[in-house]
C-alpha atoms as a PDB file:
ATOM      1  CA  MET A   1      96.007 101.767  90.922  1.00  0.00           C
ATOM      2  CA  ALA A   2      97.931  98.606  89.927  1.00  0.00           C
ATOM      3  CA  ARG A   3      97.296  97.060  86.741  1.00  0.00           C
ATOM      4  CA  ARG A   4      94.849  94.177  86.420  1.00  0.00           C
ATOM      5  CA  LEU A   5      96.803  91.052  85.503  1.00  0.00           C
ATOM      6  CA  ASP A   6      95.324  87.502  84.658  1.00  0.00           C
ATOM      7  CA  THR A   7      98.518  85.359  85.485  1.00  0.00           C
ATOM      8  CA  HIS A   8      96.890  81.952  84.046  1.00  0.00           C
ATOM      9  CA  VAL A   9      95.586  81.979  80.604  1.00  0.00           C
ATOM     10  CA  HIS A  10      95.522  78.976  78.000  1.00  0.00           C
ATOM     11  CA  VAL A  11      95.809  79.798  74.230  1.00  0.00           C
ATOM     12  CA  TYR A  12      95.790  77.317  71.213  1.00  0.00           C
ATOM     13  CA  SER A  13      96.958  77.586  68.117  1.00  0.00           C
ATOM     14  CA  PRO A  14      94.375  77.512  65.101  1.00  0.00           C
ATOM     15  CA  GLU A  15      96.139  74.200  63.949  1.00  0.00           C
ATOM     16  CA  LEU A  16      96.001  72.513  67.148  1.00  0.00           C
ATOM     17  CA  ILE A  17      92.318  73.233  67.241  1.00  0.00           C
ATOM     18  CA  ALA A  18      91.534  72.076  63.974  1.00  0.00           C
ATOM     19  CA  THR A  19      93.559  68.683  64.591  1.00  0.00           C
ATOM     20  CA  TRP A  20      93.032  68.133  68.343  1.00  0.00           C
ATOM     21  CA  ARG A  21      91.281  64.818  68.096  1.00  0.00           C
ATOM     22  CA  GLU A  22      94.260  63.475  66.216  1.00  0.00           C
ATOM     23  CA  VAL A  23      96.655  64.922  68.867  1.00  0.00           C
ATOM     24  CA  ALA A  24      94.696  63.458  71.572  1.00  0.00           C
ATOM     25  CA  ARG A  25      95.158  59.771  70.169  1.00  0.00           C
ATOM     26  CA  VAL A  26      98.987  60.091  70.911  1.00  0.00           C
ATOM     27  CA  GLU A  27      98.582  62.497  74.121  1.00  0.00           C
ATOM     28  CA  PRO A  28      95.989  61.020  76.273  1.00  0.00           C
ATOM     29  CA  TYR A  29      96.280  63.534  79.113  1.00  0.00           C
ATOM     30  CA  PHE A  30      95.549  66.280  76.869  1.00  0.00           C
ATOM     31  CA  GLY A  31      92.440  64.211  75.420  1.00  0.00           C
ATOM     32  CA  ARG A  32      91.048  63.948  78.661  1.00  0.00           C
ATOM     33  CA  LEU A  33      91.207  67.516  79.202  1.00  0.00           C
ATOM     34  CA  ALA A  34      90.096  68.593  75.494  1.00  0.00           C
ATOM     35  CA  SER A  35      87.198  66.384  75.836  1.00  0.00           C
ATOM     36  CA  GLY A  36      86.000  67.513  79.296  1.00  0.00           C
ATOM     37  CA  LYS A  37      82.668  68.977  79.699  1.00  0.00           C
ATOM     38  CA  VAL A  38      84.140  72.499  80.829  1.00  0.00           C
ATOM     39  CA  HIS A  39      87.016  72.648  78.202  1.00  0.00           C
ATOM     40  CA  ARG A  40      86.979  75.765  76.014  1.00  0.00           C
ATOM     41  CA  TRP A  41      89.048  76.665  72.958  1.00  0.00           C
ATOM     42  CA  ALA A  42      90.767  80.255  72.819  1.00  0.00           C
ATOM     43  CA  GLU A  43      93.138  81.712  70.396  1.00  0.00           C
ATOM     44  CA  ALA A  44      95.218  84.835  71.280  1.00  0.00           C
ATOM     45  CA  ASP A  45      92.734  87.151  69.776  1.00  0.00           C
ATOM     46  CA  ASP A  46      90.065  85.500  71.889  1.00  0.00           C
ATOM     47  CA  VAL A  47      92.131  86.465  74.806  1.00  0.00           C
ATOM     48  CA  LEU A  48      92.504  89.973  73.739  1.00  0.00           C
ATOM     49  CA  ALA A  49      88.736  90.304  73.221  1.00  0.00           C
ATOM     50  CA  ALA A  50      87.924  88.888  76.577  1.00  0.00           C
ATOM     51  CA  MET A  51      90.588  91.500  78.372  1.00  0.00           C
ATOM     52  CA  GLU A  52      88.811  94.622  76.538  1.00  0.00           C
ATOM     53  CA  ALA A  53      85.554  93.346  78.004  1.00  0.00           C
ATOM     54  CA  ASP A  54      86.856  92.808  81.431  1.00  0.00           C
ATOM     55  CA  GLY A  55      89.149  95.541  81.962  1.00  0.00           C
ATOM     56  CA  VAL A  56      92.249  93.191  82.044  1.00  0.00           C
ATOM     57  CA  ASP A  57      95.599  95.089  81.272  1.00  0.00           C
ATOM     58  CA  GLN A  58      97.709  92.353  80.729  1.00  0.00           C
ATOM     59  CA  SER A  59      97.560  88.329  80.542  1.00  0.00           C
ATOM     60  CA  TRP A  60     100.166  85.599  80.947  1.00  0.00           C
ATOM     61  CA  ILE A  61      99.415  83.080  78.158  1.00  0.00           C
ATOM     62  CA  CYS A  62     100.708  79.466  77.632  1.00  0.00           C
ATOM     63  CA  GLY A  63     100.154  76.555  75.379  1.00  0.00           C
ATOM     64  CA  PHE A  64      99.446  73.270  76.356  1.00  0.00           C
ATOM     65  CA  ALA A  65     102.448  71.140  77.902  1.00  0.00           C
ATOM     66  CA  PHE A  66     102.406  68.164  75.786  1.00  0.00           C
ATOM     67  CA  SER A  67     104.538  65.091  76.386  1.00  0.00           C
ATOM     68  CA  ASP A  68     106.197  65.525  72.819  1.00  0.00           C
ATOM     69  CA  ILE A  69     108.760  68.399  72.403  1.00  0.00           C
ATOM     70  CA  GLY A  70     107.773  68.927  68.802  1.00  0.00           C
ATOM     71  CA  LEU A  71     104.022  69.660  69.915  1.00  0.00           C
ATOM     72  CA  CYS A  72     105.624  71.943  72.651  1.00  0.00           C
ATOM     73  CA  ARG A  73     107.723  73.843  70.398  1.00  0.00           C
ATOM     74  CA  ALA A  74     104.595  74.388  67.973  1.00  0.00           C
ATOM     75  CA  GLN A  75     102.505  76.194  70.765  1.00  0.00           C
ATOM     76  CA  ASN A  76     105.646  78.032  71.897  1.00  0.00           C
ATOM     77  CA  ASP A  77     106.073  79.465  68.463  1.00  0.00           C
ATOM     78  CA  TYR A  78     102.408  80.540  68.638  1.00  0.00           C
ATOM     79  CA  VAL A  79     102.717  82.234  72.077  1.00  0.00           C
ATOM     80  CA  ILE A  80     105.995  83.923  70.848  1.00  0.00           C
ATOM     81  CA  ASP A  81     104.246  85.367  67.743  1.00  0.00           C
ATOM     82  CA  ALA A  82     100.996  86.621  69.882  1.00  0.00           C
ATOM     83  CA  VAL A  83     103.149  88.193  72.453  1.00  0.00           C
ATOM     84  CA  ALA A  84     105.124  90.024  69.861  1.00  0.00           C
ATOM     85  CA  ARG A  85     102.029  91.429  68.192  1.00  0.00           C
ATOM     86  CA  SER A  86     100.321  92.248  71.264  1.00  0.00           C
ATOM     87  CA  GLU A  87     101.940  95.461  72.227  1.00  0.00           C
ATOM     88  CA  GLY A  88     102.668  94.575  75.611  1.00  0.00           C
ATOM     89  CA  ARG A  89      99.022  93.281  76.457  1.00  0.00           C
ATOM     90  CA  LEU A  90     100.291  89.897  76.327  1.00  0.00           C
ATOM     91  CA  GLN A  91     103.214  88.014  78.164  1.00  0.00           C
ATOM     92  CA  GLY A  92     104.153  84.369  77.358  1.00  0.00           C
ATOM     93  CA  LEU A  93     105.231  81.290  79.191  1.00  0.00           C
ATOM     94  CA  ALA A  94     107.119  78.438  77.365  1.00  0.00           C
ATOM     95  CA  VAL A  95     105.909  74.802  77.469  1.00  0.00           C
ATOM     96  CA  VAL A  96     108.477  71.867  77.684  1.00  0.00           C
ATOM     97  CA  PRO A  97     108.112  68.150  78.550  1.00  0.00           C
ATOM     98  CA  PRO A  98     110.878  68.383  81.670  1.00  0.00           C
ATOM     99  CA  LEU A  99     112.495  65.169  80.886  1.00  0.00           C
ATOM    100  CA  ALA A 100     112.730  65.110  77.076  1.00  0.00           C
ATOM    101  CA  PRO A 101     115.966  65.812  75.239  1.00  0.00           C
ATOM    102  CA  GLY A 102     116.103  69.259  74.269  1.00  0.00           C
ATOM    103  CA  ALA A 103     114.034  70.956  76.910  1.00  0.00           C
ATOM    104  CA  GLU A 104     116.604  72.985  78.253  1.00  0.00           C
ATOM    105  CA  ALA A 105     117.689  74.447  74.700  1.00  0.00           C
ATOM    106  CA  GLU A 106     113.771  75.032  74.255  1.00  0.00           C
ATOM    107  CA  ILE A 107     113.779  77.041  77.491  1.00  0.00           C
ATOM    108  CA  VAL A 108     116.872  78.969  76.393  1.00  0.00           C
ATOM    109  CA  ARG A 109     115.113  79.711  73.051  1.00  0.00           C
ATOM    110  CA  CYS A 110     111.954  80.780  74.373  1.00  0.00           C
ATOM    111  CA  ARG A 111     113.690  83.154  77.026  1.00  0.00           C
ATOM    112  CA  GLU A 112     115.690  84.750  74.283  1.00  0.00           C
ATOM    113  CA  ALA A 113     112.538  85.525  72.474  1.00  0.00           C
ATOM    114  CA  GLY A 114     111.098  87.374  75.324  1.00  0.00           C
ATOM    115  CA  LEU A 115     108.941  84.654  77.353  1.00  0.00           C
ATOM    116  CA  ILE A 116     108.747  85.288  81.096  1.00  0.00           C
ATOM    117  CA  GLY A 117     108.195  81.775  82.519  1.00  0.00           C
ATOM    118  CA  VAL A 118     107.886  78.041  81.961  1.00  0.00           C
ATOM    119  CA  GLY A 119     104.516  76.243  82.429  1.00  0.00           C
ATOM    120  CA  GLU A 120     101.891  75.101  82.863  1.00  0.00           C
ATOM    121  CA  ILE A 121     103.786  72.008  83.586  1.00  0.00           C
ATOM    122  CA  PHE A 122     101.542  68.908  84.336  1.00  0.00           C
ATOM    123  CA  PRO A 123     103.671  66.493  86.337  1.00  0.00           C
ATOM    124  CA  GLN A 124     101.176  63.402  85.793  1.00  0.00           C
ATOM    125  CA  GLY A 125     100.273  64.373  82.373  1.00  0.00           C
ATOM    126  CA  GLN A 126     104.108  64.644  81.519  1.00  0.00           C
ATOM    127  CA  GLY A 127     105.353  61.803  83.387  1.00  0.00           C
ATOM    128  CA  VAL A 128     107.790  63.653  85.978  1.00  0.00           C
ATOM    129  CA  ASP A 129     107.846  63.048  89.716  1.00  0.00           C
ATOM    130  CA  LEU A 130     108.118  66.704  91.520  1.00  0.00           C
ATOM    131  CA  THR A 131     109.690  64.945  94.528  1.00  0.00           C
ATOM    132  CA  ASP A 132     112.653  63.213  92.576  1.00  0.00           C
ATOM    133  CA  LEU A 133     115.557  65.678  92.344  1.00  0.00           C
ATOM    134  CA  ARG A 134     116.984  63.759  89.610  1.00  0.00           C
ATOM    135  CA  GLN A 135     114.100  64.183  87.267  1.00  0.00           C
ATOM    136  CA  THR A 136     113.636  68.221  88.182  1.00  0.00           C
ATOM    137  CA  TRP A 137     117.007  69.431  88.617  1.00  0.00           C
ATOM    138  CA  ARG A 138     117.859  70.238  84.927  1.00  0.00           C
ATOM    139  CA  LEU A 139     114.324  71.844  84.544  1.00  0.00           C
ATOM    140  CA  VAL A 140     114.962  74.157  87.696  1.00  0.00           C
ATOM    141  CA  GLY A 141     118.616  74.911  86.654  1.00  0.00           C
ATOM    142  CA  ALA A 142     117.609  76.043  83.143  1.00  0.00           C
ATOM    143  CA  CYS A 143     114.927  78.234  84.580  1.00  0.00           C
ATOM    144  CA  HIS A 144     116.953  79.747  87.164  1.00  0.00           C
ATOM    145  CA  GLU A 145     119.735  80.535  84.819  1.00  0.00           C
ATOM    146  CA  ALA A 146     117.398  82.032  82.414  1.00  0.00           C
ATOM    147  CA  GLY A 147     115.699  84.180  85.157  1.00  0.00           C
ATOM    148  CA  LEU A 148     112.262  82.476  84.597  1.00  0.00           C
ATOM    149  CA  PHE A 149     109.744  81.601  87.075  1.00  0.00           C
ATOM    150  CA  LEU A 150     107.940  77.967  86.929  1.00  0.00           C
ATOM    151  CA  LEU A 151     104.221  77.413  86.875  1.00  0.00           C
ATOM    152  CA  ILE A 152     103.352  74.074  88.000  1.00  0.00           C
ATOM    153  CA  HIS A 153      99.768  72.152  88.115  1.00  0.00           C
ATOM    154  CA  THR A 154      98.779  71.078  91.589  1.00  0.00           C
ATOM    155  CA  ALA A 155      95.519  69.914  93.147  1.00  0.00           C
ATOM    156  CA  GLU A 156      93.827  69.549  96.182  1.00  0.00           C
ATOM    157  CA  PRO A 157      94.172  66.042  97.483  1.00  0.00           C
ATOM    158  CA  VAL A 158      90.611  65.635  98.674  1.00  0.00           C
ATOM    159  CA  GLY A 159      87.083  66.721  97.235  1.00  0.00           C
ATOM    160  CA  HIS A 160      85.673  65.940  94.026  1.00  0.00           C
ATOM    161  CA  ASP A 161      87.398  64.356  90.890  1.00  0.00           C
ATOM    162  CA  TYR A 162      87.610  66.197  87.529  1.00  0.00           C
ATOM    163  CA  PRO A 163      89.506  65.534  84.299  1.00  0.00           C
ATOM    164  CA  GLY A 164      93.377  66.482  84.824  1.00  0.00           C
ATOM    165  CA  LYS A 165      92.982  66.826  88.639  1.00  0.00           C
ATOM    166  CA  GLY A 166      95.986  64.427  89.041  1.00  0.00           C
ATOM    167  CA  ASP A 167      97.600  63.163  92.133  1.00  0.00           C
ATOM    168  CA  VAL A 168     100.133  65.961  92.808  1.00  0.00           C
ATOM    169  CA  GLY A 169      99.149  68.187  95.620  1.00  0.00           C
ATOM    170  CA  PRO A 170     100.714  69.979  98.614  1.00  0.00           C
ATOM    171  CA  ARG A 171     103.034  67.124  99.800  1.00  0.00           C
ATOM    172  CA  GLU A 172     104.796  66.878  96.371  1.00  0.00           C
ATOM    173  CA  ALA A 173     104.839  70.623  96.038  1.00  0.00           C
ATOM    174  CA  ALA A 174     106.564  71.108  99.218  1.00  0.00           C
ATOM    175  CA  GLN A 175     108.888  68.601  98.502  1.00  0.00           C
ATOM    176  CA  PHE A 176     109.745  70.208  95.324  1.00  0.00           C
ATOM    177  CA  CYS A 177     110.296  73.460  97.151  1.00  0.00           C
ATOM    178  CA  ALA A 178     112.754  71.578  99.500  1.00  0.00           C
ATOM    179  CA  ASN A 179     114.650  70.178  96.982  1.00  0.00           C
ATOM    180  CA  HIS A 180     114.835  73.621  95.057  1.00  0.00           C
ATOM    181  CA  PRO A 181     115.223  76.390  97.382  1.00  0.00           C
ATOM    182  CA  GLU A 182     116.360  78.796  94.628  1.00  0.00           C
ATOM    183  CA  ALA A 183     113.240  77.984  92.439  1.00  0.00           C
ATOM    184  CA  VAL A 184     110.698  80.912  91.858  1.00  0.00           C
ATOM    185  CA  VAL A 185     107.520  78.820  91.499  1.00  0.00           C
ATOM    186  CA  ILE A 186     103.719  79.309  91.086  1.00  0.00           C
ATOM    187  CA  PHE A 187     101.637  76.450  92.097  1.00  0.00           C
ATOM    188  CA  ALA A 188      98.536  76.687  90.243  1.00  0.00           C
ATOM    189  CA  HIS A 189      94.961  76.412  91.906  1.00  0.00           C
ATOM    190  CA  TRP A 190      96.214  77.580  95.275  1.00  0.00           C
ATOM    191  CA  GLY A 191      98.923  74.827  95.329  1.00  0.00           C
ATOM    192  CA  GLY A 192      96.051  72.276  96.273  1.00  0.00           C
ATOM    193  CA  GLY A 193      96.169  74.111  99.724  1.00  0.00           C
ATOM    194  CA  LEU A 194      99.740  74.418 100.311  1.00  0.00           C
ATOM    195  CA  TRP A 195      99.412  78.022 101.310  1.00  0.00           C
ATOM    196  CA  LEU A 196      97.726  76.857 104.678  1.00  0.00           C
ATOM    197  CA  TYR A 197     101.037  75.480 105.742  1.00  0.00           C
ATOM    198  CA  GLU A 198     102.925  78.611 105.524  1.00  0.00           C
ATOM    199  CA  LEU A 199     101.472  79.159 108.983  1.00  0.00           C
ATOM    200  CA  MET A 200     104.200  76.760 110.193  1.00  0.00           C
ATOM    201  CA  PRO A 201     107.238  78.382 110.575  1.00  0.00           C
ATOM    202  CA  GLU A 202     109.502  75.716 109.286  1.00  0.00           C
ATOM    203  CA  MET A 203     107.191  75.499 106.034  1.00  0.00           C
ATOM    204  CA  ALA A 204     107.271  79.249 105.630  1.00  0.00           C
ATOM    205  CA  ARG A 205     111.073  78.974 105.218  1.00  0.00           C
ATOM    206  CA  ILE A 206     110.634  76.097 102.719  1.00  0.00           C
ATOM    207  CA  LEU A 207     108.086  77.804 100.733  1.00  0.00           C
ATOM    208  CA  ARG A 208     109.872  81.236 100.616  1.00  0.00           C
ATOM    209  CA  ASN A 209     109.813  81.224  96.886  1.00  0.00           C
ATOM    210  CA  ALA A 210     106.604  79.694  96.241  1.00  0.00           C
ATOM    211  CA  TRP A 211     103.433  81.698  94.955  1.00  0.00           C
ATOM    212  CA  TYR A 212      99.957  80.521  94.403  1.00  0.00           C
ATOM    213  CA  ASP A 213      97.427  81.217  91.465  1.00  0.00           C
ATOM    214  CA  THR A 214      93.734  81.254  91.860  1.00  0.00           C
ATOM    215  CA  ALA A 215      92.864  79.463  88.589  1.00  0.00           C
ATOM    216  CA  ALA A 216      89.521  77.516  88.611  1.00  0.00           C
ATOM    217  CA  THR A 217      88.629  78.676  92.128  1.00  0.00           C
ATOM    218  CA  PRO A 218      84.768  79.188  91.491  1.00  0.00           C
ATOM    219  CA  PHE A 219      85.013  75.260  90.743  1.00  0.00           C
ATOM    220  CA  LEU A 220      86.880  74.465  93.895  1.00  0.00           C
ATOM    221  CA  TYR A 221      86.099  76.813  96.611  1.00  0.00           C
ATOM    222  CA  GLY A 222      84.003  79.204  98.060  1.00  0.00           C
ATOM    223  CA  ALA A 223      84.666  83.171  98.568  1.00  0.00           C
ATOM    224  CA  PRO A 224      85.913  82.859 102.011  1.00  0.00           C
ATOM    225  CA  VAL A 225      89.316  81.068 100.531  1.00  0.00           C
ATOM    226  CA  PHE A 226      90.375  84.547  99.502  1.00  0.00           C
ATOM    227  CA  SER A 227      89.980  86.112 102.982  1.00  0.00           C
ATOM    228  CA  SER A 228      91.305  83.067 104.802  1.00  0.00           C
ATOM    229  CA  ALA A 229      94.556  83.241 102.649  1.00  0.00           C
ATOM    230  CA  LEU A 230      94.945  86.735 103.504  1.00  0.00           C
ATOM    231  CA  ALA A 231      94.577  85.810 107.240  1.00  0.00           C
ATOM    232  CA  ALA A 232      97.207  83.271 106.676  1.00  0.00           C
ATOM    233  CA  GLY A 233      99.597  85.848 105.768  1.00  0.00           C
ATOM    234  CA  VAL A 234     100.295  85.073 102.189  1.00  0.00           C
ATOM    235  CA  ARG A 235      98.395  88.178 100.509  1.00  0.00           C
ATOM    236  CA  ASN A 236     101.902  88.908  98.757  1.00  0.00           C
ATOM    237  CA  LYS A 237     102.105  85.616  97.151  1.00  0.00           C
ATOM    238  CA  ILE A 238      98.509  85.173  95.707  1.00  0.00           C
ATOM    239  CA  LEU A 239      98.096  85.719  91.910  1.00  0.00           C
ATOM    240  CA  LEU A 240      94.915  86.334  90.243  1.00  0.00           C
ATOM    241  CA  GLY A 241      94.733  83.872  87.394  1.00  0.00           C
ATOM    242  CA  THR A 242      91.505  82.805  85.783  1.00  0.00           C
ATOM    243  CA  ASP A 243      92.365  79.730  83.670  1.00  0.00           C
ATOM    244  CA  PHE A 244      90.721  81.165  80.817  1.00  0.00           C
ATOM    245  CA  PRO A 245      88.903  80.229  78.576  1.00  0.00           C
ATOM    246  CA  ILE A 246      87.599  77.894  80.984  1.00  0.00           C
ATOM    247  CA  LEU A 247      86.543  80.677  83.186  1.00  0.00           C
ATOM    248  CA  GLY A 248      86.177  84.714  82.748  1.00  0.00           C
ATOM    249  CA  ARG A 249      87.160  87.276  85.035  1.00  0.00           C
ATOM    250  CA  HIS A 250      83.955  88.492  86.268  1.00  0.00           C
ATOM    251  CA  ARG A 251      83.584  85.271  88.381  1.00  0.00           C
ATOM    252  CA  TYR A 252      86.780  86.249  90.245  1.00  0.00           C
ATOM    253  CA  ASP A 253      85.439  89.688  90.667  1.00  0.00           C
ATOM    254  CA  ALA A 254      82.378  88.578  92.272  1.00  0.00           C
ATOM    255  CA  MET A 255      84.217  86.352  94.580  1.00  0.00           C
ATOM    256  CA  LEU A 256      86.439  89.130  95.697  1.00  0.00           C
ATOM    257  CA  ASP A 257      83.621  91.298  96.480  1.00  0.00           C
ATOM    258  CA  ALA A 258      81.766  88.761  98.162  1.00  0.00           C
ATOM    259  CA  ALA A 259      84.822  88.112 100.375  1.00  0.00           C
ATOM    260  CA  GLY A 260      85.304  91.710 101.135  1.00  0.00           C
ATOM    261  CA  VAL A 261      88.722  91.990  99.570  1.00  0.00           C
ATOM    262  CA  ASP A 262      89.467  95.509  98.555  1.00  0.00           C
ATOM    263  CA  GLY A 263      92.083  98.225  99.063  1.00  0.00           C
ATOM    264  CA  GLU A 264      95.567  97.295  98.948  1.00  0.00           C
ATOM    265  CA  ALA A 265      95.058  93.728  99.229  1.00  0.00           C
ATOM    266  CA  ARG A 266      92.812  93.708  96.200  1.00  0.00           C
ATOM    267  CA  GLU A 267      95.309  95.722  94.306  1.00  0.00           C
ATOM    268  CA  ALA A 268      98.341  93.134  95.395  1.00  0.00           C
ATOM    269  CA  LEU A 269      96.109  90.004  94.204  1.00  0.00           C
ATOM    270  CA  GLU A 270      94.800  91.758  90.925  1.00  0.00           C
ATOM    271  CA  GLY A 271      98.168  92.910  89.830  1.00  0.00           C
ATOM    272  CA  GLY A 272     100.867  94.175  92.383  1.00  0.00           C
ATOM    273  CA  ASN A 273     101.975  90.706  93.277  1.00  0.00           C
ATOM    274  CA  GLY A 274     102.512  89.793  89.564  1.00  0.00           C
ATOM    275  CA  ALA A 275     104.522  92.760  88.904  1.00  0.00           C
ATOM    276  CA  ARG A 276     106.658  91.980  91.964  1.00  0.00           C
ATOM    277  CA  LEU A 277     107.338  88.501  90.855  1.00  0.00           C
ATOM    278  CA  LEU A 278     108.661  89.586  87.493  1.00  0.00           C
ATOM    279  CA  ARG A 279     110.893  92.085  89.243  1.00  0.00           C
ATOM    280  CA  ILE A 280     112.199  89.341  91.469  1.00  0.00           C
ATOM    281  CA  CYS A 281     112.920  87.165  88.263  1.00  0.00           C
ATOM    282  CA  ARG A 282     114.725  90.006  86.711  1.00  0.00           C
ATOM    283  CA  GLY A 283     116.789  90.562  89.847  1.00  0.00           C
ATOM    284  CA  GLU A 284     115.424  94.023  90.594  1.00  0.00           C
ATOM    285  CA  GLU A 285     114.017  93.051  93.983  1.00  0.00           C
ATOM    286  CA  GLU A 286     114.963  91.028  96.883  1.00  0.00           C
ATOM    287  CA  ARG A 287     113.030  87.703  97.303  1.00  0.00           C
END
């Protein structure tokens, strides 16, 4: 039985929770999300308690990706400390503003502290154009050299609006992959539907190193999205992430049951794919 992972989990330091209204005044994208009706706060101990209740073996946690690198550093410090104290239950991602001076050095610092990836990057909230190679090459280069994957926020280009949805979807994500074939990248929220285009042979080549997480699925799709993605041949590229604390694991377990996903396919989604992604980043397995 593969370990049960949650690959998309948000944590907030106690200091940020206490001062979020002040931070929101200078970080408007954060303010929109933090004041949304579905937003929830969670510290690292809250994540560990939920994992115990839901039978999750390991969570990949990240702070909020601010536009200000100082705020990002503070959240990275919190994540680094939480991971160190978790006895392997938590792995951490670093947050950086991709265009800010010092972003590359912060990525290196966090890698040396044991973090495994960078994200969740918010292209619209942090003012970076995913399609512009001039804006993304430093970020990708730093991650590639450090053996880190990227987690990037994407959203579906149709359907209802919600705080933080943004305007970065399949087209922008696909161009990012075309620009950076070397990048190991997870596109959050199913890549806004990008996985469907892997049925096109030329797009399957371009998206060779693209992965897709399931964060926020119960708010966006019905249970058949899981069986549809399996039928599209991307079973080994889907990572089960909940977007905790906004959503808990039980909602996803119910959707997987309803979609009839079991056996090896379920083990891949729930943990096997995440383990393989980390081996790829460490150079232990072919891409």
